[in-house]
Amino acid sequence: MSTTALALNPFSLMMEPELVLQTMERSQQLRGLRRHKLRPLDKPLIPYTKEALANRAAFDAAIDAEDLETQADNFLN
């Protein structure tokens, strides 16, 4: 098989990582990509209200206040 046919066949590229790197280095399309970082999870999609944040804090505090060891002992006995 010629090297051109190998470069165009994605299955043969998977078997030869060196050829993949060479192909990537020669690719004009890859060189033309703009590079920037996207962080879509940095900000919530839905803004939280003060009430929602207070409810969440109260729920977290209630869970933190629970005596899990006593509950586990009662469950096992």
C-alpha atoms as a PDB file:
ATOM      1  CA  MET A   1       0.000   0.000   0.000  1.00  0.00           C
ATOM      2  CA  SER A   2       1.342   3.451  -0.791  1.00  0.00           C
ATOM      3  CA  THR A   3       1.981   6.069   1.884  1.00  0.00           C
ATOM      4  CA  THR A   4      -0.794   8.259   0.437  1.00  0.00           C
ATOM      5  CA  ALA A   5      -3.292   5.452   0.826  1.00  0.00           C
ATOM      6  CA  LEU A   6      -2.061   4.857   4.389  1.00  0.00           C
ATOM      7  CA  ALA A   7      -2.423   8.539   5.240  1.00  0.00           C
ATOM      8  CA  LEU A   8      -6.020   8.560   4.039  1.00  0.00           C
ATOM      9  CA  ASN A   9      -7.064   5.336   5.743  1.00  0.00           C
ATOM     10  CA  PRO A  10      -8.038   6.068   9.378  1.00  0.00           C
ATOM     11  CA  PHE A  11      -7.805   2.396  10.356  1.00  0.00           C
ATOM     12  CA  SER A  12      -4.215   2.109   9.231  1.00  0.00           C
ATOM     13  CA  LEU A  13      -3.441   5.357  11.059  1.00  0.00           C
ATOM     14  CA  MET A  14      -4.671   3.820  14.316  1.00  0.00           C
ATOM     15  CA  MET A  15      -2.125   1.042  13.962  1.00  0.00           C
ATOM     16  CA  GLU A  16       0.838   3.367  13.391  1.00  0.00           C
ATOM     17  CA  PRO A  17       1.035   6.232  15.915  1.00  0.00           C
ATOM     18  CA  GLU A  18       4.198   7.672  14.331  1.00  0.00           C
ATOM     19  CA  LEU A  19       2.369   8.050  11.038  1.00  0.00           C
ATOM     20  CA  VAL A  20      -0.497   9.758  12.867  1.00  0.00           C
ATOM     21  CA  LEU A  21       1.882  12.321  14.356  1.00  0.00           C
ATOM     22  CA  GLN A  22       3.510  12.951  10.970  1.00  0.00           C
ATOM     23  CA  THR A  23       0.103  13.371   9.345  1.00  0.00           C
ATOM     24  CA  MET A  24      -1.004  15.777  12.064  1.00  0.00           C
ATOM     25  CA  GLU A  25       2.163  17.858  11.641  1.00  0.00           C
ATOM     26  CA  ARG A  26       1.567  18.140   7.880  1.00  0.00           C
ATOM     27  CA  SER A  27      -2.136  18.963   8.200  1.00  0.00           C
ATOM     28  CA  GLN A  28      -2.978  22.494   7.077  1.00  0.00           C
ATOM     29  CA  GLN A  29      -6.434  22.153   8.612  1.00  0.00           C
ATOM     30  CA  LEU A  30      -5.025  21.420  12.061  1.00  0.00           C
ATOM     31  CA  ARG A  31      -2.562  24.298  11.795  1.00  0.00           C
ATOM     32  CA  GLY A  32      -5.404  26.631  10.851  1.00  0.00           C
ATOM     33  CA  LEU A  33      -7.462  25.906  13.959  1.00  0.00           C
ATOM     34  CA  ARG A  34      -7.785  28.708  16.443  1.00  0.00           C
ATOM     35  CA  ARG A  35      -6.694  27.667  19.890  1.00  0.00           C
ATOM     36  CA  HIS A  36      -8.650  28.843  22.865  1.00  0.00           C
ATOM     37  CA  LYS A  37      -9.912  27.226  26.025  1.00  0.00           C
ATOM     38  CA  LEU A  38     -13.599  26.750  26.623  1.00  0.00           C
ATOM     39  CA  ARG A  39     -14.843  26.221  30.134  1.00  0.00           C
ATOM     40  CA  PRO A  40     -18.607  25.775  29.879  1.00  0.00           C
ATOM     41  CA  LEU A  41     -18.958  24.399  33.406  1.00  0.00           C
ATOM     42  CA  ASP A  42     -17.390  27.402  35.126  1.00  0.00           C
ATOM     43  CA  LYS A  43     -20.705  29.217  35.348  1.00  0.00           C
ATOM     44  CA  PRO A  44     -24.106  27.713  36.063  1.00  0.00           C
ATOM     45  CA  LEU A  45     -26.521  27.767  33.161  1.00  0.00           C
ATOM     46  CA  ILE A  46     -29.367  28.828  35.424  1.00  0.00           C
ATOM     47  CA  PRO A  47     -28.575  31.643  37.826  1.00  0.00           C
ATOM     48  CA  TYR A  48     -29.373  30.764  41.428  1.00  0.00           C
ATOM     49  CA  THR A  49     -31.668  32.979  43.478  1.00  0.00           C
ATOM     50  CA  LYS A  50     -30.861  33.886  47.059  1.00  0.00           C
ATOM     51  CA  GLU A  51     -33.737  31.662  48.170  1.00  0.00           C
ATOM     52  CA  ALA A  52     -32.383  28.666  46.253  1.00  0.00           C
ATOM     53  CA  LEU A  53     -28.904  29.182  47.708  1.00  0.00           C
ATOM     54  CA  ALA A  54     -30.375  29.489  51.233  1.00  0.00           C
ATOM     55  CA  ASN A  55     -32.403  26.285  50.748  1.00  0.00           C
ATOM     56  CA  ARG A  56     -29.314  24.445  49.550  1.00  0.00           C
ATOM     57  CA  ALA A  57     -27.268  25.700  52.518  1.00  0.00           C
ATOM     58  CA  ALA A  58     -30.028  24.636  54.940  1.00  0.00           C
ATOM     59  CA  PHE A  59     -30.212  21.183  53.341  1.00  0.00           C
ATOM     60  CA  ASP A  60     -26.430  20.783  53.531  1.00  0.00           C
ATOM     61  CA  ALA A  61     -26.422  21.905  57.178  1.00  0.00           C
ATOM     62  CA  ALA A  62     -29.180  19.403  58.039  1.00  0.00           C
ATOM     63  CA  ILE A  63     -27.216  16.564  56.484  1.00  0.00           C
ATOM     64  CA  ASP A  64     -24.018  17.649  58.221  1.00  0.00           C
ATOM     65  CA  ALA A  65     -25.857  17.789  61.573  1.00  0.00           C
ATOM     66  CA  GLU A  66     -27.156  14.221  61.316  1.00  0.00           C
ATOM     67  CA  ASP A  67     -25.455  11.706  63.567  1.00  0.00           C
ATOM     68  CA  LEU A  68     -24.723   9.014  61.017  1.00  0.00           C
ATOM     69  CA  GLU A  69     -22.836   6.771  63.424  1.00  0.00           C
ATOM     70  CA  THR A  70     -25.835   6.529  65.753  1.00  0.00           C
ATOM     71  CA  GLN A  71     -28.130   5.836  62.808  1.00  0.00           C
ATOM     72  CA  ALA A  72     -25.776   3.124  61.544  1.00  0.00           C
ATOM     73  CA  ASP A  73     -25.565   1.515  64.998  1.00  0.00           C
ATOM     74  CA  ASN A  74     -29.366   1.563  65.342  1.00  0.00           C
ATOM     75  CA  PHE A  75     -29.741   0.028  61.901  1.00  0.00           C
ATOM     76  CA  LEU A  76     -27.286  -2.773  62.604  1.00  0.00           C
ATOM     77  CA  ASN A  77     -28.782  -3.656  66.010  1.00  0.00           C
END
